[in-house]
PDB file of N, CA and C in Angstrom:
ATOM      1  N   MET A   1       5.139   8.731 -14.436  1.00  0.00           N
ATOM      2  CA  MET A   1       6.413   8.245 -13.932  1.00  0.00           C
ATOM      3  C   MET A   1       6.308   6.739 -13.746  1.00  0.00           C
ATOM      4  N   GLU A   2       7.316   6.017 -14.161  1.00  0.00           N
ATOM      5  CA  GLU A   2       7.365   4.568 -13.987  1.00  0.00           C
ATOM      6  C   GLU A   2       7.394   4.248 -12.493  1.00  0.00           C
ATOM      7  N   LEU A   3       6.764   3.126 -12.123  1.00  0.00           N
ATOM      8  CA  LEU A   3       6.622   2.796 -10.704  1.00  0.00           C
ATOM      9  C   LEU A   3       7.969   2.654 -10.002  1.00  0.00           C
ATOM     10  N   LYS A   4       8.956   2.053 -10.652  1.00  0.00           N
ATOM     11  CA  LYS A   4      10.276   1.909 -10.023  1.00  0.00           C
ATOM     12  C   LYS A   4      10.878   3.280  -9.735  1.00  0.00           C
ATOM     13  N   ALA A   5      10.800   4.185 -10.693  1.00  0.00           N
ATOM     14  CA  ALA A   5      11.313   5.539 -10.498  1.00  0.00           C
ATOM     15  C   ALA A   5      10.523   6.252  -9.403  1.00  0.00           C
ATOM     16  N   LEU A   6       9.218   6.020  -9.369  1.00  0.00           N
ATOM     17  CA  LEU A   6       8.377   6.623  -8.346  1.00  0.00           C
ATOM     18  C   LEU A   6       8.778   6.119  -6.959  1.00  0.00           C
ATOM     19  N   ASP A   7       9.038   4.824  -6.844  1.00  0.00           N
ATOM     20  CA  ASP A   7       9.475   4.255  -5.566  1.00  0.00           C
ATOM     21  C   ASP A   7      10.803   4.874  -5.119  1.00  0.00           C
ATOM     22  N   GLU A   8      11.729   5.042  -6.039  1.00  0.00           N
ATOM     23  CA  GLU A   8      13.010   5.656  -5.706  1.00  0.00           C
ATOM     24  C   GLU A   8      12.825   7.103  -5.259  1.00  0.00           C
ATOM     25  N   THR A   9      11.945   7.816  -5.933  1.00  0.00           N
ATOM     26  CA  THR A   9      11.671   9.201  -5.573  1.00  0.00           C
ATOM     27  C   THR A   9      10.974   9.268  -4.207  1.00  0.00           C
ATOM     28  N   LEU A  10      10.102   8.301  -3.938  1.00  0.00           N
ATOM     29  CA  LEU A  10       9.467   8.227  -2.616  1.00  0.00           C
ATOM     30  C   LEU A  10      10.513   8.035  -1.519  1.00  0.00           C
ATOM     31  N   LEU A  11      11.452   7.142  -1.744  1.00  0.00           N
ATOM     32  CA  LEU A  11      12.507   6.914  -0.751  1.00  0.00           C
ATOM     33  C   LEU A  11      13.319   8.188  -0.516  1.00  0.00           C
ATOM     34  N   ALA A  12      13.631   8.903  -1.579  1.00  0.00           N
ATOM     35  CA  ALA A  12      14.379  10.156  -1.438  1.00  0.00           C
ATOM     36  C   ALA A  12      13.569  11.197  -0.667  1.00  0.00           C
ATOM     37  N   ALA A  13      12.276  11.272  -0.934  1.00  0.00           N
ATOM     38  CA  ALA A  13      11.417  12.222  -0.218  1.00  0.00           C
ATOM     39  C   ALA A  13      11.324  11.861   1.265  1.00  0.00           C
ATOM     40  N   HIS A  14      11.275  10.565   1.559  1.00  0.00           N
ATOM     41  CA  HIS A  14      11.292  10.138   2.959  1.00  0.00           C
ATOM     42  C   HIS A  14      12.606  10.550   3.618  1.00  0.00           C
ATOM     43  N   ALA A  15      13.712  10.318   2.935  1.00  0.00           N
ATOM     44  CA  ALA A  15      15.023  10.659   3.484  1.00  0.00           C
ATOM     45  C   ALA A  15      15.130  12.161   3.754  1.00  0.00           C
ATOM     46  N   ALA A  16      14.536  12.956   2.864  1.00  0.00           N
ATOM     47  CA  ALA A  16      14.557  14.410   3.006  1.00  0.00           C
ATOM     48  C   ALA A  16      13.461  14.922   3.948  1.00  0.00           C
ATOM     49  N   GLN A  17      12.601  14.026   4.383  1.00  0.00           N
ATOM     50  CA  GLN A  17      11.451  14.374   5.234  1.00  0.00           C
ATOM     51  C   GLN A  17      10.588  15.465   4.590  1.00  0.00           C
ATOM     52  N   ASP A  18      10.414  15.346   3.273  1.00  0.00           N
ATOM     53  CA  ASP A  18       9.618  16.307   2.502  1.00  0.00           C
ATOM     54  C   ASP A  18       8.176  15.809   2.439  1.00  0.00           C
ATOM     55  N   LYS A  19       7.407  16.179   3.444  1.00  0.00           N
ATOM     56  CA  LYS A  19       6.044  15.660   3.575  1.00  0.00           C
ATOM     57  C   LYS A  19       5.135  16.118   2.443  1.00  0.00           C
ATOM     58  N   SER A  20       5.317  17.322   1.972  1.00  0.00           N
ATOM     59  CA  SER A  20       4.486  17.798   0.858  1.00  0.00           C
ATOM     60  C   SER A  20       4.741  16.971  -0.399  1.00  0.00           C
ATOM     61  N   MET A  21       5.999  16.653  -0.638  1.00  0.00           N
ATOM     62  CA  MET A  21       6.341  15.818  -1.787  1.00  0.00           C
ATOM     63  C   MET A  21       5.789  14.412  -1.590  1.00  0.00           C
ATOM     64  N   LEU A  22       5.810  13.919  -0.355  1.00  0.00           N
ATOM     65  CA  LEU A  22       5.278  12.586  -0.080  1.00  0.00           C
ATOM     66  C   LEU A  22       3.783  12.513  -0.370  1.00  0.00           C
ATOM     67  N   VAL A  23       3.046  13.572  -0.065  1.00  0.00           N
ATOM     68  CA  VAL A  23       1.618  13.600  -0.407  1.00  0.00           C
ATOM     69  C   VAL A  23       1.458  13.406  -1.905  1.00  0.00           C
ATOM     70  N   SER A  24       2.174  14.194  -2.657  1.00  0.00           N
ATOM     71  CA  SER A  24       2.064  14.157  -4.115  1.00  0.00           C
ATOM     72  C   SER A  24       2.485  12.803  -4.684  1.00  0.00           C
ATOM     73  N   LEU A  25       3.615  12.292  -4.225  1.00  0.00           N
ATOM     74  CA  LEU A  25       4.132  11.038  -4.768  1.00  0.00           C
ATOM     75  C   LEU A  25       3.254   9.848  -4.415  1.00  0.00           C
ATOM     76  N   TYR A  26       2.809   9.771  -3.159  1.00  0.00           N
ATOM     77  CA  TYR A  26       1.925   8.673  -2.777  1.00  0.00           C
ATOM     78  C   TYR A  26       0.591   8.765  -3.520  1.00  0.00           C
ATOM     79  N   HIS A  27       0.117   9.988  -3.735  1.00  0.00           N
ATOM     80  CA  HIS A  27      -1.126  10.166  -4.501  1.00  0.00           C
ATOM     81  C   HIS A  27      -0.919   9.685  -5.939  1.00  0.00           C
ATOM     82  N   GLN A  28       0.198  10.041  -6.540  1.00  0.00           N
ATOM     83  CA  GLN A  28       0.511   9.580  -7.900  1.00  0.00           C
ATOM     84  C   GLN A  28       0.559   8.059  -7.962  1.00  0.00           C
ATOM     85  N   ALA A  29       1.236   7.464  -6.987  1.00  0.00           N
ATOM     86  CA  ALA A  29       1.349   6.000  -6.965  1.00  0.00           C
ATOM     87  C   ALA A  29      -0.029   5.362  -6.814  1.00  0.00           C
ATOM     88  N   GLY A  30      -0.862   5.941  -5.947  1.00  0.00           N
ATOM     89  CA  GLY A  30      -2.212   5.424  -5.773  1.00  0.00           C
ATOM     90  C   GLY A  30      -3.034   5.528  -7.044  1.00  0.00           C
ATOM     91  N   ASP A  31      -2.949   6.674  -7.698  1.00  0.00           N
ATOM     92  CA  ASP A  31      -3.672   6.854  -8.960  1.00  0.00           C
ATOM     93  C   ASP A  31      -3.191   5.865 -10.020  1.00  0.00           C
ATOM     94  N   HIS A  32      -1.892   5.639 -10.052  1.00  0.00           N
ATOM     95  CA  HIS A  32      -1.324   4.683 -11.015  1.00  0.00           C
ATOM     96  C   HIS A  32      -1.881   3.279 -10.761  1.00  0.00           C
ATOM     97  N   MET A  33      -1.932   2.886  -9.501  1.00  0.00           N
ATOM     98  CA  MET A  33      -2.453   1.553  -9.169  1.00  0.00           C
ATOM     99  C   MET A  33      -3.948   1.456  -9.474  1.00  0.00           C
ATOM    100  N   LEU A  34      -4.677   2.545  -9.275  1.00  0.00           N
ATOM    101  CA  LEU A  34      -6.096   2.548  -9.653  1.00  0.00           C
ATOM    102  C   LEU A  34      -6.236   2.338 -11.152  1.00  0.00           C
ATOM    103  N   ASP A  35      -5.386   3.014 -11.925  1.00  0.00           N
ATOM    104  CA  ASP A  35      -5.417   2.858 -13.380  1.00  0.00           C
ATOM    105  C   ASP A  35      -5.145   1.412 -13.798  1.00  0.00           C
ATOM    106  N   LEU A  36      -4.314   0.729 -13.009  1.00  0.00           N
ATOM    107  CA  LEU A  36      -4.000  -0.667 -13.300  1.00  0.00           C
ATOM    108  C   LEU A  36      -5.047  -1.635 -12.742  1.00  0.00           C
ATOM    109  N   GLY A  37      -5.997  -1.105 -11.978  1.00  0.00           N
ATOM    110  CA  GLY A  37      -7.041  -1.942 -11.399  1.00  0.00           C
ATOM    111  C   GLY A  37      -6.631  -2.655 -10.122  1.00  0.00           C
ATOM    112  N   ASN A  38      -5.510  -2.264  -9.541  1.00  0.00           N
ATOM    113  CA  ASN A  38      -5.032  -2.877  -8.309  1.00  0.00           C
ATOM    114  C   ASN A  38      -5.498  -2.026  -7.127  1.00  0.00           C
ATOM    115  N   ILE A  39      -6.725  -2.294  -6.680  1.00  0.00           N
ATOM    116  CA  ILE A  39      -7.364  -1.476  -5.651  1.00  0.00           C
ATOM    117  C   ILE A  39      -6.620  -1.555  -4.322  1.00  0.00           C
ATOM    118  N   ASP A  40      -6.189  -2.742  -3.928  1.00  0.00           N
ATOM    119  CA  ASP A  40      -5.490  -2.878  -2.647  1.00  0.00           C
ATOM    120  C   ASP A  40      -4.200  -2.063  -2.618  1.00  0.00           C
ATOM    121  N   ALA A  41      -3.403  -2.162  -3.665  1.00  0.00           N
ATOM    122  CA  ALA A  41      -2.163  -1.386  -3.721  1.00  0.00           C
ATOM    123  C   ALA A  41      -2.468   0.105  -3.794  1.00  0.00           C
ATOM    124  N   ALA A  42      -3.489   0.472  -4.568  1.00  0.00           N
ATOM    125  CA  ALA A  42      -3.873   1.876  -4.677  1.00  0.00           C
ATOM    126  C   ALA A  42      -4.235   2.440  -3.311  1.00  0.00           C
ATOM    127  N   CYS A  43      -5.030   1.698  -2.569  1.00  0.00           N
ATOM    128  CA  CYS A  43      -5.464   2.186  -1.260  1.00  0.00           C
ATOM    129  C   CYS A  43      -4.317   2.215  -0.262  1.00  0.00           C
ATOM    130  N   PHE A  44      -3.362   1.311  -0.407  1.00  0.00           N
ATOM    131  CA  PHE A  44      -2.153   1.357   0.420  1.00  0.00           C
ATOM    132  C   PHE A  44      -1.445   2.690   0.213  1.00  0.00           C
ATOM    133  N   TYR A  45      -1.166   3.027  -1.047  1.00  0.00           N
ATOM    134  CA  TYR A  45      -0.486   4.281  -1.348  1.00  0.00           C
ATOM    135  C   TYR A  45      -1.338   5.491  -0.956  1.00  0.00           C
ATOM    136  N   LEU A  46      -2.620   5.433  -1.258  1.00  0.00           N
ATOM    137  CA  LEU A  46      -3.489   6.570  -0.960  1.00  0.00           C
ATOM    138  C   LEU A  46      -3.651   6.790   0.535  1.00  0.00           C
ATOM    139  N   THR A  47      -3.607   5.734   1.321  1.00  0.00           N
ATOM    140  CA  THR A  47      -3.663   5.898   2.773  1.00  0.00           C
ATOM    141  C   THR A  47      -2.440   6.681   3.255  1.00  0.00           C
ATOM    142  N   HIS A  48      -1.283   6.358   2.702  1.00  0.00           N
ATOM    143  CA  HIS A  48      -0.080   7.116   3.061  1.00  0.00           C
ATOM    144  C   HIS A  48      -0.214   8.575   2.620  1.00  0.00           C
ATOM    145  N   ALA A  49      -0.714   8.788   1.412  1.00  0.00           N
ATOM    146  CA  ALA A  49      -0.918  10.154   0.932  1.00  0.00           C
ATOM    147  C   ALA A  49      -1.854  10.910   1.863  1.00  0.00           C
ATOM    148  N   TYR A  50      -2.912  10.256   2.290  1.00  0.00           N
ATOM    149  CA  TYR A  50      -3.908  10.883   3.167  1.00  0.00           C
ATOM    150  C   TYR A  50      -3.296  11.259   4.514  1.00  0.00           C
ATOM    151  N   ILE A  51      -2.520  10.365   5.091  1.00  0.00           N
ATOM    152  CA  ILE A  51      -1.895  10.646   6.383  1.00  0.00           C
ATOM    153  C   ILE A  51      -0.962  11.852   6.276  1.00  0.00           C
ATOM    154  N   PHE A  52      -0.119  11.878   5.249  1.00  0.00           N
ATOM    155  CA  PHE A  52       0.777  13.016   5.084  1.00  0.00           C
ATOM    156  C   PHE A  52      -0.003  14.287   4.743  1.00  0.00           C
ATOM    157  N   ALA A  53      -1.088  14.165   4.008  1.00  0.00           N
ATOM    158  CA  ALA A  53      -1.912  15.339   3.692  1.00  0.00           C
ATOM    159  C   ALA A  53      -2.535  15.914   4.962  1.00  0.00           C
ATOM    160  N   LEU A  54      -3.030  15.043   5.824  1.00  0.00           N
ATOM    161  CA  LEU A  54      -3.585  15.521   7.096  1.00  0.00           C
ATOM    162  C   LEU A  54      -2.505  16.174   7.946  1.00  0.00           C
ATOM    163  N   ASP A  55      -1.332  15.569   7.958  1.00  0.00           N
ATOM    164  CA  ASP A  55      -0.223  16.068   8.769  1.00  0.00           C
ATOM    165  C   ASP A  55       0.240  17.448   8.325  1.00  0.00           C
ATOM    166  N   THR A  56       0.117  17.734   7.040  1.00  0.00           N
ATOM    167  CA  THR A  56       0.602  19.009   6.496  1.00  0.00           C
ATOM    168  C   THR A  56      -0.527  19.968   6.129  1.00  0.00           C
ATOM    169  N   ASN A  57      -1.758  19.618   6.461  1.00  0.00           N
ATOM    170  CA  ASN A  57      -2.924  20.429   6.079  1.00  0.00           C
ATOM    171  C   ASN A  57      -2.988  20.659   4.570  1.00  0.00           C
ATOM    172  N   ASP A  58      -2.604  19.638   3.819  1.00  0.00           N
ATOM    173  CA  ASP A  58      -2.619  19.732   2.358  1.00  0.00           C
ATOM    174  C   ASP A  58      -4.069  19.742   1.881  1.00  0.00           C
ATOM    175  N   PRO A  59      -4.400  20.624   0.950  1.00  0.00           N
ATOM    176  CA  PRO A  59      -5.788  20.711   0.476  1.00  0.00           C
ATOM    177  C   PRO A  59      -6.275  19.461  -0.264  1.00  0.00           C
ATOM    178  N   SER A  60      -5.378  18.570  -0.649  1.00  0.00           N
ATOM    179  CA  SER A  60      -5.809  17.359  -1.345  1.00  0.00           C
ATOM    180  C   SER A  60      -6.366  16.296  -0.400  1.00  0.00           C
ATOM    181  N   ALA A  61      -6.295  16.523   0.894  1.00  0.00           N
ATOM    182  CA  ALA A  61      -6.754  15.519   1.865  1.00  0.00           C
ATOM    183  C   ALA A  61      -8.207  15.115   1.615  1.00  0.00           C
ATOM    184  N   GLY A  62      -9.062  16.075   1.326  1.00  0.00           N
ATOM    185  CA  GLY A  62     -10.476  15.771   1.081  1.00  0.00           C
ATOM    186  C   GLY A  62     -10.678  14.876  -0.128  1.00  0.00           C
ATOM    187  N   ALA A  63      -9.976  15.165  -1.199  1.00  0.00           N
ATOM    188  CA  ALA A  63     -10.104  14.355  -2.414  1.00  0.00           C
ATOM    189  C   ALA A  63      -9.580  12.944  -2.182  1.00  0.00           C
ATOM    190  N   ILE A  64      -8.462  12.840  -1.480  1.00  0.00           N
ATOM    191  CA  ILE A  64      -7.900  11.523  -1.190  1.00  0.00           C
ATOM    192  C   ILE A  64      -8.866  10.741  -0.302  1.00  0.00           C
ATOM    193  N   HIS A  65      -9.434  11.412   0.668  1.00  0.00           N
ATOM    194  CA  HIS A  65     -10.407  10.766   1.562  1.00  0.00           C
ATOM    195  C   HIS A  65     -11.588  10.209   0.765  1.00  0.00           C
ATOM    196  N   ARG A  66     -12.075  10.991  -0.183  1.00  0.00           N
ATOM    197  CA  ARG A  66     -13.212  10.544  -1.001  1.00  0.00           C
ATOM    198  C   ARG A  66     -12.859   9.292  -1.809  1.00  0.00           C
ATOM    199  N   ILE A  67     -11.651   9.239  -2.342  1.00  0.00           N
ATOM    200  CA  ILE A  67     -11.229   8.061  -3.098  1.00  0.00           C
ATOM    201  C   ILE A  67     -11.188   6.839  -2.185  1.00  0.00           C
ATOM    202  N   LEU A  68     -10.585   6.999  -1.014  1.00  0.00           N
ATOM    203  CA  LEU A  68     -10.515   5.884  -0.058  1.00  0.00           C
ATOM    204  C   LEU A  68     -11.912   5.438   0.354  1.00  0.00           C
ATOM    205  N   ALA A  69     -12.777   6.388   0.627  1.00  0.00           N
ATOM    206  CA  ALA A  69     -14.144   6.042   1.039  1.00  0.00           C
ATOM    207  C   ALA A  69     -14.888   5.315  -0.079  1.00  0.00           C
ATOM    208  N   SER A  70     -14.633   5.705  -1.318  1.00  0.00           N
ATOM    209  CA  SER A  70     -15.327   5.072  -2.438  1.00  0.00           C
ATOM    210  C   SER A  70     -14.914   3.603  -2.598  1.00  0.00           C
ATOM    211  N   HIS A  71     -13.787   3.257  -2.015  1.00  0.00           N
ATOM    212  CA  HIS A  71     -13.308   1.872  -2.068  1.00  0.00           C
ATOM    213  C   HIS A  71     -13.454   1.172  -0.711  1.00  0.00           C
ATOM    214  N   GLY A  72     -14.257   1.767   0.174  1.00  0.00           N
ATOM    215  CA  GLY A  72     -14.563   1.155   1.455  1.00  0.00           C
ATOM    216  C   GLY A  72     -13.402   1.144   2.422  1.00  0.00           C
ATOM    217  N   ARG A  73     -12.429   2.010   2.246  1.00  0.00           N
ATOM    218  CA  ARG A  73     -11.247   2.005   3.101  1.00  0.00           C
ATOM    219  C   ARG A  73     -11.293   3.059   4.188  1.00  0.00           C
ATOM    220  N   GLU A  74     -12.274   3.891   4.169  1.00  0.00           N
ATOM    221  CA  GLU A  74     -12.356   4.971   5.146  1.00  0.00           C
ATOM    222  C   GLU A  74     -13.813   5.077   5.595  1.00  0.00           C
ATOM    223  N   GLU A  75     -13.994   5.175   6.889  1.00  0.00           N
ATOM    224  CA  GLU A  75     -15.306   5.315   7.521  1.00  0.00           C
ATOM    225  C   GLU A  75     -15.986   4.023   7.597  1.00  0.00           C
TER     226      GLU A  75
END
């Protein structure tokens, strides 16, 4: 998904308070930024994904945590 479309979808998910969708979308955005080599932006998005994953007991929380830790953003 193009970043602009992803941002619009993120805003809609926030408006709908769809936390499960927010985990997925923020994770996608983080992965996209990692692919582009923008570690700071990736970790920004992944931190949001992690918070929503913890809040919803999403099973992806562990994987997101590992990515953040690998970039020195967690622990």
